[in-house]
């Protein structure tokens, strides 16, 4: 069986330089585990507009990248709301090995 090494990720609200319209606070987060499982802590939420701005980059951030690749260096992503100026940080939490035959 083919195996695939990926990183689990944590996306954290690093700072809010404007006013928080969506109700999120510094330290709020979600986790992306086991390739496709999105986990939000119970009783919390994550703004879909902030989520949509970081979502396209997460599959690449899960993979090992060349050191010269900008995605291996850049960890900050911004919500598109210009009044909020909400900045998220993407962290790799741990490496996992998955059976590639079970993934799409």
Protein backbone atom coordinates (compact mmCIF):
# COMPACT_ATOMS: atom_id res chain seq x y z
CA UNK A 1 0.00 0.00 0.00
CA UNK A 2 1.13 3.50 -0.79
CA UNK A 3 1.60 5.83 2.13
CA UNK A 4 1.48 9.60 2.34
CA UNK A 5 3.14 11.83 4.92
CA UNK A 6 1.21 14.96 5.80
CA UNK A 7 1.18 17.57 8.54
CA UNK A 8 -1.77 18.28 10.77
CA UNK A 9 -2.38 22.03 10.94
CA UNK A 10 -3.66 24.58 13.41
CA UNK A 11 -4.95 27.94 12.14
CA UNK A 12 -4.90 30.55 14.91
CA UNK A 13 -6.17 34.13 15.02
CA UNK A 14 -2.80 35.82 15.62
CA UNK A 15 -3.99 39.41 15.83
CA UNK A 16 -6.84 41.75 14.98
CA UNK A 17 -5.62 45.18 13.91
CA UNK A 18 -9.11 46.61 13.30
CA UNK A 19 -12.48 45.92 14.90
CA UNK A 20 -13.75 42.36 15.23
CA UNK A 21 -17.04 42.31 13.37
CA UNK A 22 -17.35 38.52 13.29
CA UNK A 23 -16.87 38.06 17.04
CA UNK A 24 -13.61 36.15 16.85
CA UNK A 25 -10.81 36.87 19.29
CA UNK A 26 -7.03 36.50 19.30
CA UNK A 27 -6.27 32.85 20.07
CA UNK A 28 -9.39 31.41 18.40
CA UNK A 29 -8.45 28.52 16.14
CA UNK A 30 -9.43 25.49 14.12
CA UNK A 31 -7.43 22.36 13.38
CA UNK A 32 -7.11 20.41 10.15
CA UNK A 33 -6.33 16.79 10.97
CA UNK A 34 -5.91 13.56 9.01
CA UNK A 35 -5.93 15.30 5.65
CA UNK A 36 -9.53 16.58 5.67
CA UNK A 37 -11.03 16.74 9.18
CA UNK A 38 -11.82 20.30 10.26
CA UNK A 39 -12.10 20.59 14.06
CA UNK A 40 -13.39 23.68 15.87
CA UNK A 41 -13.42 23.68 19.69
CA UNK A 42 -16.85 23.09 21.21
CA UNK A 43 -18.73 26.32 21.85
CA UNK A 44 -16.52 28.30 19.44
CA UNK A 45 -16.96 29.38 15.84
CA UNK A 46 -14.73 30.41 12.98
CA UNK A 47 -15.82 33.05 10.49
CA UNK A 48 -16.47 31.56 7.03
CA UNK A 49 -14.92 34.61 5.34
CA UNK A 50 -11.68 34.21 7.28
CA UNK A 51 -11.83 30.47 6.57
CA UNK A 52 -12.29 30.97 2.82
CA UNK A 53 -9.21 33.18 2.64
CA UNK A 54 -6.88 30.54 4.11
CA UNK A 55 -8.58 27.37 2.80
CA UNK A 56 -6.91 27.30 -0.67
CA UNK A 57 -3.46 27.14 0.92
CA UNK A 58 -4.04 24.40 3.50
CA UNK A 59 -3.52 21.37 1.26
CA UNK A 60 -0.11 22.73 0.25
CA UNK A 61 0.78 23.59 3.88
CA UNK A 62 0.04 19.94 4.79
CA UNK A 63 2.84 18.74 2.52
CA UNK A 64 6.61 18.90 2.76
CA UNK A 65 7.72 21.78 0.59
CA UNK A 66 11.06 22.97 -0.72
CA UNK A 67 12.77 25.42 1.62
CA UNK A 68 12.75 27.98 -1.20
CA UNK A 69 8.97 27.68 -1.70
CA UNK A 70 7.21 30.78 -0.36
CA UNK A 71 4.51 28.63 1.24
CA UNK A 72 7.11 26.93 3.42
CA UNK A 73 8.15 30.34 4.77
CA UNK A 74 4.94 32.39 4.92
CA UNK A 75 2.60 31.47 7.75
CA UNK A 76 0.28 34.47 7.94
CA UNK A 77 -2.98 34.94 6.06
CA UNK A 78 -5.47 37.81 6.21
CA UNK A 79 -9.24 37.82 6.38
CA UNK A 80 -10.67 39.74 3.39
CA UNK A 81 -12.65 42.15 5.61
CA UNK A 82 -10.69 45.43 5.41
CA UNK A 83 -12.19 46.80 8.64
CA UNK A 84 -11.19 43.82 10.74
CA UNK A 85 -7.63 43.33 9.61
CA UNK A 86 -7.74 39.86 11.15
CA UNK A 87 -4.47 37.97 10.68
CA UNK A 88 -4.28 34.18 11.01
CA UNK A 89 -1.17 32.07 11.54
CA UNK A 90 -0.92 28.53 10.12
CA UNK A 91 1.11 26.14 12.29
CA UNK A 92 2.16 22.59 11.54
CA UNK A 93 1.36 20.60 14.68
CA UNK A 94 2.67 17.12 13.86
CA UNK A 95 3.46 14.80 10.98
CA UNK A 96 1.21 11.85 10.22
CA UNK A 97 1.38 8.92 7.80
CA UNK A 98 -1.82 7.97 6.01
CA UNK A 99 -2.73 5.15 3.66
CA UNK A 100 -2.92 6.92 0.30
CA UNK A 101 -5.37 4.32 -1.04
CA UNK A 102 -7.96 5.51 1.48
CA UNK A 103 -7.68 9.17 0.41
CA UNK A 104 -9.24 10.82 -2.60
